[in-house]
C-alpha atoms as a PDB file:
ATOM      1  CA  UNK A   1     -13.473 -21.737  34.016  1.00  0.00           C
ATOM      2  CA  UNK A   2     -13.411 -18.088  35.135  1.00  0.00           C
ATOM      3  CA  UNK A   3     -15.412 -17.148  38.253  1.00  0.00           C
ATOM      4  CA  UNK A   4     -18.376 -14.839  37.821  1.00  0.00           C
ATOM      5  CA  UNK A   5     -16.439 -11.832  39.142  1.00  0.00           C
ATOM      6  CA  UNK A   6     -13.637 -12.370  36.629  1.00  0.00           C
ATOM      7  CA  UNK A   7     -16.164 -12.747  33.834  1.00  0.00           C
ATOM      8  CA  UNK A   8     -17.745  -9.442  34.808  1.00  0.00           C
ATOM      9  CA  UNK A   9     -14.348  -7.731  34.854  1.00  0.00           C
ATOM     10  CA  UNK A  10     -13.534  -9.045  31.374  1.00  0.00           C
ATOM     11  CA  UNK A  11     -16.936  -7.911  30.107  1.00  0.00           C
ATOM     12  CA  UNK A  12     -16.466  -4.424  31.568  1.00  0.00           C
ATOM     13  CA  UNK A  13     -13.152  -3.999  29.767  1.00  0.00           C
ATOM     14  CA  UNK A  14     -14.375  -5.532  26.490  1.00  0.00           C
ATOM     15  CA  UNK A  15     -17.681  -3.672  26.259  1.00  0.00           C
ATOM     16  CA  UNK A  16     -16.349  -0.162  25.395  1.00  0.00           C
ATOM     17  CA  UNK A  17     -14.153  -1.303  22.456  1.00  0.00           C
ATOM     18  CA  UNK A  18     -16.943  -3.578  21.216  1.00  0.00           C
ATOM     19  CA  UNK A  19     -19.401  -0.691  21.305  1.00  0.00           C
ATOM     20  CA  UNK A  20     -16.920   1.545  19.499  1.00  0.00           C
ATOM     21  CA  UNK A  21     -16.330  -1.160  16.880  1.00  0.00           C
ATOM     22  CA  UNK A  22     -20.065  -1.582  16.396  1.00  0.00           C
ATOM     23  CA  UNK A  23     -20.663   2.159  15.950  1.00  0.00           C
ATOM     24  CA  UNK A  24     -17.589   2.870  13.810  1.00  0.00           C
ATOM     25  CA  UNK A  25     -17.486  -0.308  11.675  1.00  0.00           C
ATOM     26  CA  UNK A  26     -20.564  -2.515  11.837  1.00  0.00           C
ATOM     27  CA  UNK A  27     -23.163   0.258  11.676  1.00  0.00           C
ATOM     28  CA  UNK A  28     -21.692   1.874   8.502  1.00  0.00           C
ATOM     29  CA  UNK A  29     -21.530  -1.557   6.851  1.00  0.00           C
ATOM     30  CA  UNK A  30     -25.171  -2.247   7.672  1.00  0.00           C
ATOM     31  CA  UNK A  31     -26.114   1.248   6.555  1.00  0.00           C
ATOM     32  CA  UNK A  32     -24.347   0.709   3.214  1.00  0.00           C
ATOM     33  CA  UNK A  33     -26.104  -2.627   2.814  1.00  0.00           C
ATOM     34  CA  UNK A  34     -29.437  -0.903   3.413  1.00  0.00           C
ATOM     35  CA  UNK A  35     -28.701   1.939   0.961  1.00  0.00           C
ATOM     36  CA  UNK A  36     -27.562  -0.500  -1.734  1.00  0.00           C
ATOM     37  CA  UNK A  37     -31.209  -1.463  -2.318  1.00  0.00           C
ATOM     38  CA  UNK A  38     -32.195   2.136  -3.083  1.00  0.00           C
ATOM     39  CA  UNK A  39     -31.595   4.792  -5.695  1.00  0.00           C
ATOM     40  CA  UNK A  40     -30.717   8.008  -3.862  1.00  0.00           C
ATOM     41  CA  UNK A  41     -28.858  11.193  -4.750  1.00  0.00           C
ATOM     42  CA  UNK A  42     -28.498  12.337  -1.142  1.00  0.00           C
ATOM     43  CA  UNK A  43     -31.228  15.005  -1.395  1.00  0.00           C
ATOM     44  CA  UNK A  44     -34.461  13.669  -2.863  1.00  0.00           C
ATOM     45  CA  UNK A  45     -36.523  10.797  -1.485  1.00  0.00           C
ATOM     46  CA  UNK A  46     -34.995   7.347  -1.650  1.00  0.00           C
ATOM     47  CA  UNK A  47     -36.451   5.002  -4.277  1.00  0.00           C
ATOM     48  CA  UNK A  48     -36.440   1.288  -3.567  1.00  0.00           C
ATOM     49  CA  UNK A  49     -34.932  -0.623  -6.504  1.00  0.00           C
ATOM     50  CA  UNK A  50     -34.276  -4.030  -4.943  1.00  0.00           C
ATOM     51  CA  UNK A  51     -31.316  -5.829  -6.491  1.00  0.00           C
ATOM     52  CA  UNK A  52     -31.174  -3.529  -9.535  1.00  0.00           C
ATOM     53  CA  UNK A  53     -27.929  -1.921  -8.355  1.00  0.00           C
ATOM     54  CA  UNK A  54     -26.281  -5.319  -7.936  1.00  0.00           C
ATOM     55  CA  UNK A  55     -27.471  -6.514 -11.339  1.00  0.00           C
ATOM     56  CA  UNK A  56     -26.150  -3.370 -13.005  1.00  0.00           C
ATOM     57  CA  UNK A  57     -22.840  -3.641 -11.153  1.00  0.00           C
ATOM     58  CA  UNK A  58     -22.231  -7.270 -12.124  1.00  0.00           C
ATOM     59  CA  UNK A  59     -23.626  -7.287 -15.654  1.00  0.00           C
ATOM     60  CA  UNK A  60     -23.821  -3.781 -17.088  1.00  0.00           C
ATOM     61  CA  UNK A  61     -20.965  -1.712 -15.693  1.00  0.00           C
ATOM     62  CA  UNK A  62     -17.710  -2.053 -17.613  1.00  0.00           C
ATOM     63  CA  UNK A  63     -15.952   0.541 -15.431  1.00  0.00           C
ATOM     64  CA  UNK A  64     -16.662  -1.581 -12.345  1.00  0.00           C
ATOM     65  CA  UNK A  65     -14.976  -4.641 -13.833  1.00  0.00           C
ATOM     66  CA  UNK A  66     -12.043  -2.559 -15.065  1.00  0.00           C
ATOM     67  CA  UNK A  67     -11.684  -1.188 -11.548  1.00  0.00           C
ATOM     68  CA  UNK A  68     -11.941  -4.675 -10.071  1.00  0.00           C
ATOM     69  CA  UNK A  69      -9.105  -6.083 -12.162  1.00  0.00           C
ATOM     70  CA  UNK A  70      -7.038  -2.958 -11.561  1.00  0.00           C
ATOM     71  CA  UNK A  71      -7.549  -3.488  -7.829  1.00  0.00           C
ATOM     72  CA  UNK A  72      -6.266  -7.074  -8.126  1.00  0.00           C
ATOM     73  CA  UNK A  73      -3.164  -5.869  -9.963  1.00  0.00           C
ATOM     74  CA  UNK A  74      -2.668  -3.124  -7.399  1.00  0.00           C
ATOM     75  CA  UNK A  75      -2.978  -5.699  -4.610  1.00  0.00           C
ATOM     76  CA  UNK A  76      -0.485  -8.101  -6.222  1.00  0.00           C
ATOM     77  CA  UNK A  77       2.170  -5.392  -6.576  1.00  0.00           C
ATOM     78  CA  UNK A  78       1.615  -4.173  -3.015  1.00  0.00           C
ATOM     79  CA  UNK A  79       1.888  -7.687  -1.575  1.00  0.00           C
ATOM     80  CA  UNK A  80       5.117  -8.440  -3.430  1.00  0.00           C
ATOM     81  CA  UNK A  81       6.711  -5.194  -2.283  1.00  0.00           C
ATOM     82  CA  UNK A  82       5.368  -5.212   1.259  1.00  0.00           C
ATOM     83  CA  UNK A  83       5.573  -8.868   2.280  1.00  0.00           C
ATOM     84  CA  UNK A  84       8.504  -9.865   0.095  1.00  0.00           C
ATOM     85  CA  UNK A  85      10.489  -6.753   0.972  1.00  0.00           C
ATOM     86  CA  UNK A  86       9.589  -6.987   4.658  1.00  0.00           C
ATOM     87  CA  UNK A  87      10.628 -10.630   4.926  1.00  0.00           C
ATOM     88  CA  UNK A  88      13.882  -9.996   3.055  1.00  0.00           C
ATOM     89  CA  UNK A  89      14.899  -6.976   5.155  1.00  0.00           C
ATOM     90  CA  UNK A  90      13.834  -8.624   8.431  1.00  0.00           C
ATOM     91  CA  UNK A  91      15.963 -11.668   7.606  1.00  0.00           C
ATOM     92  CA  UNK A  92      18.951  -9.439   6.860  1.00  0.00           C
ATOM     93  CA  UNK A  93      18.468  -7.549  10.128  1.00  0.00           C
ATOM     94  CA  UNK A  94      18.801 -10.738  12.159  1.00  0.00           C
ATOM     95  CA  UNK A  95      22.361 -11.148  10.870  1.00  0.00           C
ATOM     96  CA  UNK A  96      23.271  -7.454  11.099  1.00  0.00           C
ATOM     97  CA  UNK A  97      25.602  -6.667  13.995  1.00  0.00           C
ATOM     98  CA  UNK A  98      25.612  -2.884  13.882  1.00  0.00           C
ATOM     99  CA  UNK A  99      23.204  -0.184  12.822  1.00  0.00           C
ATOM    100  CA  UNK A 100      20.005  -2.202  13.354  1.00  0.00           C
ATOM    101  CA  UNK A 101      18.142   0.688  14.958  1.00  0.00           C
ATOM    102  CA  UNK A 102      19.118   3.056  12.167  1.00  0.00           C
ATOM    103  CA  UNK A 103      17.971   0.601   9.466  1.00  0.00           C
ATOM    104  CA  UNK A 104      14.681  -0.054  11.249  1.00  0.00           C
ATOM    105  CA  UNK A 105      14.034   3.676  11.637  1.00  0.00           C
ATOM    106  CA  UNK A 106      14.777   4.395   7.976  1.00  0.00           C
ATOM    107  CA  UNK A 107      12.452   1.623   6.779  1.00  0.00           C
ATOM    108  CA  UNK A 108       9.678   2.626   9.188  1.00  0.00           C
ATOM    109  CA  UNK A 109       9.868   6.320   8.309  1.00  0.00           C
ATOM    110  CA  UNK A 110       7.520   6.160   5.245  1.00  0.00           C
ATOM    111  CA  UNK A 111       4.722   4.747   7.413  1.00  0.00           C
ATOM    112  CA  UNK A 112       4.603   7.926   9.501  1.00  0.00           C
ATOM    113  CA  UNK A 113       4.917  10.409   6.621  1.00  0.00           C
ATOM    114  CA  UNK A 114       1.757  12.151   5.417  1.00  0.00           C
ATOM    115  CA  UNK A 115      -0.003  10.336   2.589  1.00  0.00           C
ATOM    116  CA  UNK A 116      -0.326  13.597   0.667  1.00  0.00           C
ATOM    117  CA  UNK A 117       3.417  14.191   0.960  1.00  0.00           C
ATOM    118  CA  UNK A 118       4.174  10.680  -0.333  1.00  0.00           C
ATOM    119  CA  UNK A 119       1.808  11.114  -3.271  1.00  0.00           C
ATOM    120  CA  UNK A 120       3.317  14.441  -4.357  1.00  0.00           C
ATOM    121  CA  UNK A 121       6.843  13.100  -3.810  1.00  0.00           C
ATOM    122  CA  UNK A 122       6.258  10.247  -6.228  1.00  0.00           C
ATOM    123  CA  UNK A 123       4.493  12.505  -8.727  1.00  0.00           C
ATOM    124  CA  UNK A 124       7.722  14.487  -8.823  1.00  0.00           C
ATOM    125  CA  UNK A 125       9.842  11.314  -9.064  1.00  0.00           C
ATOM    126  CA  UNK A 126       7.814  10.062 -12.064  1.00  0.00           C
ATOM    127  CA  UNK A 127       7.700  13.448 -13.794  1.00  0.00           C
ATOM    128  CA  UNK A 128       8.805  13.750 -17.434  1.00  0.00           C
ATOM    129  CA  UNK A 129       8.730  17.562 -17.658  1.00  0.00           C
ATOM    130  CA  UNK A 130      10.573  18.677 -15.645  1.00  0.00           C
ATOM    131  CA  UNK A 131      12.565  15.453 -15.637  1.00  0.00           C
ATOM    132  CA  UNK A 132      11.991  13.504 -12.435  1.00  0.00           C
ATOM    133  CA  UNK A 133      14.425  11.356 -10.499  1.00  0.00           C
ATOM    134  CA  UNK A 134      13.396   8.058 -12.093  1.00  0.00           C
ATOM    135  CA  UNK A 135      13.871   9.266 -15.652  1.00  0.00           C
ATOM    136  CA  UNK A 136      17.138  10.966 -14.677  1.00  0.00           C
ATOM    137  CA  UNK A 137      18.508   7.724 -13.233  1.00  0.00           C
ATOM    138  CA  UNK A 138      17.494   5.801 -16.357  1.00  0.00           C
ATOM    139  CA  UNK A 139      19.371   8.338 -18.463  1.00  0.00           C
ATOM    140  CA  UNK A 140      22.482   8.143 -16.252  1.00  0.00           C
ATOM    141  CA  UNK A 141      22.755   4.356 -16.529  1.00  0.00           C
ATOM    142  CA  UNK A 142      22.248   4.285 -20.290  1.00  0.00           C
ATOM    143  CA  UNK A 143      18.583   3.261 -20.330  1.00  0.00           C
ATOM    144  CA  UNK A 144      17.242   6.533 -21.672  1.00  0.00           C
ATOM    145  CA  UNK A 145      15.007   4.641 -24.108  1.00  0.00           C
ATOM    146  CA  UNK A 146      12.907   3.569 -21.111  1.00  0.00           C
ATOM    147  CA  UNK A 147      12.143   7.138 -20.064  1.00  0.00           C
ATOM    148  CA  UNK A 148       8.431   7.872 -20.223  1.00  0.00           C
ATOM    149  CA  UNK A 149       5.602   9.788 -18.506  1.00  0.00           C
ATOM    150  CA  UNK A 150       4.946   7.010 -15.999  1.00  0.00           C
ATOM    151  CA  UNK A 151       1.663   8.422 -14.729  1.00  0.00           C
ATOM    152  CA  UNK A 152       0.309   9.226 -18.195  1.00  0.00           C
ATOM    153  CA  UNK A 153       1.192   5.933 -19.873  1.00  0.00           C
ATOM    154  CA  UNK A 154      -1.675   3.425 -19.637  1.00  0.00           C
ATOM    155  CA  UNK A 155       0.865   0.577 -19.602  1.00  0.00           C
ATOM    156  CA  UNK A 156       2.772   1.801 -16.542  1.00  0.00           C
ATOM    157  CA  UNK A 157       0.375   3.924 -14.496  1.00  0.00           C
ATOM    158  CA  UNK A 158      -1.048   1.081 -12.390  1.00  0.00           C
ATOM    159  CA  UNK A 159       2.407  -0.112 -11.328  1.00  0.00           C
ATOM    160  CA  UNK A 160       3.446   3.511 -10.774  1.00  0.00           C
ATOM    161  CA  UNK A 161       0.636   4.203  -8.291  1.00  0.00           C
ATOM    162  CA  UNK A 162       1.081   0.811  -6.596  1.00  0.00           C
ATOM    163  CA  UNK A 163       4.782   1.239  -5.836  1.00  0.00           C
ATOM    164  CA  UNK A 164       4.360   4.127  -3.335  1.00  0.00           C
ATOM    165  CA  UNK A 165       1.775   2.134  -1.363  1.00  0.00           C
ATOM    166  CA  UNK A 166       4.057  -0.898  -1.316  1.00  0.00           C
ATOM    167  CA  UNK A 167       7.038   1.212  -0.246  1.00  0.00           C
ATOM    168  CA  UNK A 168       5.012   3.005   2.410  1.00  0.00           C
ATOM    169  CA  UNK A 169       4.181  -0.007   4.601  1.00  0.00           C
ATOM    170  CA  UNK A 170       7.170  -2.273   3.970  1.00  0.00           C
ATOM    171  CA  UNK A 171       8.883  -0.983   7.117  1.00  0.00           C
ATOM    172  CA  UNK A 172       5.837  -1.611   9.304  1.00  0.00           C
ATOM    173  CA  UNK A 173       5.532  -5.244   8.240  1.00  0.00           C
ATOM    174  CA  UNK A 174       9.312  -5.616   8.456  1.00  0.00           C
ATOM    175  CA  UNK A 175       9.205  -4.720  12.164  1.00  0.00           C
ATOM    176  CA  UNK A 176       6.431  -7.238  12.821  1.00  0.00           C
ATOM    177  CA  UNK A 177       8.250 -10.049  11.020  1.00  0.00           C
ATOM    178  CA  UNK A 178      11.597  -9.067  12.555  1.00  0.00           C
ATOM    179  CA  UNK A 179      10.121  -9.328  16.071  1.00  0.00           C
ATOM    180  CA  UNK A 180       8.758 -12.776  15.183  1.00  0.00           C
ATOM    181  CA  UNK A 181      12.168 -13.914  13.868  1.00  0.00           C
ATOM    182  CA  UNK A 182      13.835 -12.836  17.107  1.00  0.00           C
ATOM    183  CA  UNK A 183      11.495 -15.172  18.994  1.00  0.00           C
ATOM    184  CA  UNK A 184      12.673 -18.263  17.070  1.00  0.00           C
ATOM    185  CA  UNK A 185      14.561 -20.548  19.549  1.00  0.00           C
ATOM    186  CA  UNK A 186      18.282 -20.154  18.947  1.00  0.00           C
ATOM    187  CA  UNK A 187      19.039 -23.683  20.149  1.00  0.00           C
ATOM    188  CA  UNK A 188      17.066 -25.119  17.230  1.00  0.00           C
ATOM    189  CA  UNK A 189      19.066 -23.071  14.737  1.00  0.00           C
ATOM    190  CA  UNK A 190      22.349 -24.055  16.378  1.00  0.00           C
ATOM    191  CA  UNK A 191      21.385 -27.731  16.255  1.00  0.00           C
ATOM    192  CA  UNK A 192      20.448 -27.423  12.584  1.00  0.00           C
ATOM    193  CA  UNK A 193      23.771 -25.752  11.774  1.00  0.00           C
ATOM    194  CA  UNK A 194      25.648 -28.550  13.507  1.00  0.00           C
ATOM    195  CA  UNK A 195      23.708 -31.001  11.328  1.00  0.00           C
ATOM    196  CA  UNK A 196      24.921 -29.173   8.215  1.00  0.00           C
ATOM    197  CA  UNK A 197      21.833 -27.112   7.341  1.00  0.00           C
ATOM    198  CA  UNK A 198      22.434 -24.143   5.051  1.00  0.00           C
ATOM    199  CA  UNK A 199      20.741 -20.738   5.351  1.00  0.00           C
ATOM    200  CA  UNK A 200      17.866 -21.664   3.034  1.00  0.00           C
ATOM    201  CA  UNK A 201      17.150 -24.842   5.005  1.00  0.00           C
ATOM    202  CA  UNK A 202      17.319 -22.902   8.262  1.00  0.00           C
ATOM    203  CA  UNK A 203      14.741 -20.472   6.939  1.00  0.00           C
ATOM    204  CA  UNK A 204      12.331 -22.968   5.364  1.00  0.00           C
ATOM    205  CA  UNK A 205      12.523 -25.695   8.015  1.00  0.00           C
ATOM    206  CA  UNK A 206      12.926 -23.732  11.251  1.00  0.00           C
ATOM    207  CA  UNK A 207      12.381 -19.991  10.979  1.00  0.00           C
ATOM    208  CA  UNK A 208       9.359 -19.746   8.711  1.00  0.00           C
ATOM    209  CA  UNK A 209       7.349 -22.521  10.463  1.00  0.00           C
ATOM    210  CA  UNK A 210       7.843 -20.662  13.752  1.00  0.00           C
ATOM    211  CA  UNK A 211       6.725 -17.309  12.364  1.00  0.00           C
ATOM    212  CA  UNK A 212       3.788 -18.767  10.377  1.00  0.00           C
ATOM    213  CA  UNK A 213       1.073 -17.341  12.724  1.00  0.00           C
ATOM    214  CA  UNK A 214       2.634 -13.871  12.458  1.00  0.00           C
ATOM    215  CA  UNK A 215       3.019 -14.312   8.697  1.00  0.00           C
ATOM    216  CA  UNK A 216      -0.683 -15.165   8.368  1.00  0.00           C
ATOM    217  CA  UNK A 217      -1.685 -12.089  10.367  1.00  0.00           C
ATOM    218  CA  UNK A 218       0.655  -9.865   8.360  1.00  0.00           C
ATOM    219  CA  UNK A 219      -0.631 -11.279   5.065  1.00  0.00           C
ATOM    220  CA  UNK A 220      -4.233 -10.611   6.095  1.00  0.00           C
ATOM    221  CA  UNK A 221      -3.365  -7.045   7.137  1.00  0.00           C
ATOM    222  CA  UNK A 222      -1.530  -6.311   3.887  1.00  0.00           C
ATOM    223  CA  UNK A 223      -4.290  -7.876   1.772  1.00  0.00           C
ATOM    224  CA  UNK A 224      -7.175  -6.023   3.389  1.00  0.00           C
ATOM    225  CA  UNK A 225      -5.268  -2.726   3.341  1.00  0.00           C
ATOM    226  CA  UNK A 226      -4.373  -3.289  -0.319  1.00  0.00           C
ATOM    227  CA  UNK A 227      -7.967  -4.004  -1.314  1.00  0.00           C
ATOM    228  CA  UNK A 228      -9.055  -0.831   0.472  1.00  0.00           C
ATOM    229  CA  UNK A 229      -6.257   1.300  -0.977  1.00  0.00           C
ATOM    230  CA  UNK A 230      -7.541   4.724  -1.980  1.00  0.00           C
ATOM    231  CA  UNK A 231      -5.610   7.815  -0.995  1.00  0.00           C
ATOM    232  CA  UNK A 232      -2.335   7.539  -2.931  1.00  0.00           C
ATOM    233  CA  UNK A 233      -3.869   6.417  -6.280  1.00  0.00           C
ATOM    234  CA  UNK A 234      -6.592   9.046  -5.976  1.00  0.00           C
ATOM    235  CA  UNK A 235      -4.136  11.828  -5.208  1.00  0.00           C
ATOM    236  CA  UNK A 236      -1.671  10.823  -7.931  1.00  0.00           C
ATOM    237  CA  UNK A 237      -3.941  10.131 -10.922  1.00  0.00           C
ATOM    238  CA  UNK A 238      -7.597  10.289  -9.818  1.00  0.00           C
ATOM    239  CA  UNK A 239      -8.060   6.975 -11.644  1.00  0.00           C
ATOM    240  CA  UNK A 240      -6.632   8.167 -14.958  1.00  0.00           C
ATOM    241  CA  UNK A 241      -5.655   8.213 -17.678  1.00  0.00           C
ATOM    242  CA  UNK A 242      -9.074   6.913 -18.637  1.00  0.00           C
ATOM    243  CA  UNK A 243      -9.718   4.161 -16.115  1.00  0.00           C
ATOM    244  CA  UNK A 244      -6.177   2.735 -16.262  1.00  0.00           C
ATOM    245  CA  UNK A 245      -5.582   3.255 -12.539  1.00  0.00           C
ATOM    246  CA  UNK A 246      -9.194   3.298 -11.364  1.00  0.00           C
ATOM    247  CA  UNK A 247      -9.678   1.126  -8.280  1.00  0.00           C
ATOM    248  CA  UNK A 248     -12.924   0.000  -6.704  1.00  0.00           C
ATOM    249  CA  UNK A 249     -12.403   2.461  -3.873  1.00  0.00           C
ATOM    250  CA  UNK A 250     -11.776   5.459  -6.138  1.00  0.00           C
ATOM    251  CA  UNK A 251     -14.695   4.466  -8.364  1.00  0.00           C
ATOM    252  CA  UNK A 252     -16.951   4.153  -5.324  1.00  0.00           C
ATOM    253  CA  UNK A 253     -15.860   7.585  -4.086  1.00  0.00           C
ATOM    254  CA  UNK A 254     -16.493   9.283  -7.425  1.00  0.00           C
ATOM    255  CA  UNK A 255     -19.830   7.499  -7.814  1.00  0.00           C
ATOM    256  CA  UNK A 256     -20.937   8.838  -4.442  1.00  0.00           C
ATOM    257  CA  UNK A 257     -19.518  12.367  -4.408  1.00  0.00           C
ATOM    258  CA  UNK A 258     -19.176  13.246  -8.098  1.00  0.00           C
ATOM    259  CA  UNK A 259     -22.132  11.409  -9.630  1.00  0.00           C
ATOM    260  CA  UNK A 260     -24.114  11.685  -6.345  1.00  0.00           C
ATOM    261  CA  UNK A 261     -25.435   8.144  -6.732  1.00  0.00           C
ATOM    262  CA  UNK A 262     -25.201   7.040  -3.117  1.00  0.00           C
ATOM    263  CA  UNK A 263     -27.239   3.894  -3.626  1.00  0.00           C
ATOM    264  CA  UNK A 264     -24.930   2.507  -6.311  1.00  0.00           C
ATOM    265  CA  UNK A 265     -21.834   3.648  -4.389  1.00  0.00           C
ATOM    266  CA  UNK A 266     -23.130   1.711  -1.380  1.00  0.00           C
ATOM    267  CA  UNK A 267     -23.483  -1.358  -3.599  1.00  0.00           C
ATOM    268  CA  UNK A 268     -19.818  -1.077  -4.568  1.00  0.00           C
ATOM    269  CA  UNK A 269     -18.829  -0.638  -0.918  1.00  0.00           C
ATOM    270  CA  UNK A 270     -20.715  -3.807   0.013  1.00  0.00           C
ATOM    271  CA  UNK A 271     -18.837  -5.631  -2.729  1.00  0.00           C
ATOM    272  CA  UNK A 272     -15.523  -4.380  -1.299  1.00  0.00           C
ATOM    273  CA  UNK A 273     -16.444  -5.710   2.164  1.00  0.00           C
ATOM    274  CA  UNK A 274     -17.396  -9.098   0.714  1.00  0.00           C
ATOM    275  CA  UNK A 275     -14.222  -9.099  -1.380  1.00  0.00           C
ATOM    276  CA  UNK A 276     -12.091  -8.548   1.735  1.00  0.00           C
ATOM    277  CA  UNK A 277     -13.863 -11.326   3.633  1.00  0.00           C
ATOM    278  CA  UNK A 278     -13.420 -13.749   0.731  1.00  0.00           C
ATOM    279  CA  UNK A 279      -9.736 -12.819   0.434  1.00  0.00           C
ATOM    280  CA  UNK A 280      -9.145 -13.420   4.153  1.00  0.00           C
ATOM    281  CA  UNK A 281     -10.936 -16.763   3.999  1.00  0.00           C
ATOM    282  CA  UNK A 282      -8.914 -17.789   0.938  1.00  0.00           C
ATOM    283  CA  UNK A 283      -5.626 -16.860   2.657  1.00  0.00           C
ATOM    284  CA  UNK A 284      -6.507 -18.830   5.785  1.00  0.00           C
ATOM    285  CA  UNK A 285      -7.561 -21.844   3.708  1.00  0.00           C
ATOM    286  CA  UNK A 286      -4.393 -21.831   1.588  1.00  0.00           C
ATOM    287  CA  UNK A 287      -2.034 -21.438   4.535  1.00  0.00           C
ATOM    288  CA  UNK A 288      -3.876 -24.098   6.516  1.00  0.00           C
ATOM    289  CA  UNK A 289      -3.499 -26.539   3.627  1.00  0.00           C
ATOM    290  CA  UNK A 290       0.208 -25.820   3.437  1.00  0.00           C
ATOM    291  CA  UNK A 291       0.556 -26.323   7.182  1.00  0.00           C
ATOM    292  CA  UNK A 292      -1.273 -29.684   7.002  1.00  0.00           C
ATOM    293  CA  UNK A 293       0.749 -30.863   3.979  1.00  0.00           C
END
């Protein structure tokens, strides 16, 4: 048990970040929860409506449910690209003898580029007139029949706006997983190789169990960031065409600042917070079950 002086020292160092967290995170959440029970346009007096906003959101708003399912699709694509790509590249880096720093820098570069620059870059890549890079490449390899206006086609726009977000943070998660892989005891891998284990067995039986805590943290980070994704989809399509790429975050933003319905926008924001908490709990439960199996 820590002595009283040590406890005081810990409290002194923890208090400022806790206060900052409370002001910057907890207070806005509580404020949104409070506003969700009112009808308010930001100017006139607030009108208490109770749970009317929640009832409308869950039973009478088709755009909300379209945005919700779009957000799940957006999240799935981001997770596959970010976690799958990060794990694959990190595993390759452990066996790479030269050029590791260059590869790590190249993969991390998108994470430090401006979001606006990434959005406009991919708008140009997907362009049909003038022909963008993606359609040019399809034509060069004999798949010209697949050329299309990727951001105007309701069948492809959601994947098109998800790919830049997935590409953007793959390098960041790759570095985290790569650092965890370097911490795996080499003597265990050498012993497994002597026993005849192949690369897949080394990964599934030794490497992945050792990096499981880091994998859980990375999965939670990627999931919560994916559910709160806003900037790239908003900049690229503004939720269009129609509501084909509308996410909960973009719908909440437009409800607040275009329709000036701050009460209903706060209701959607509360739902996003609850959604993130449920997703984190589900991830922890699933991974704990796998660990106990």
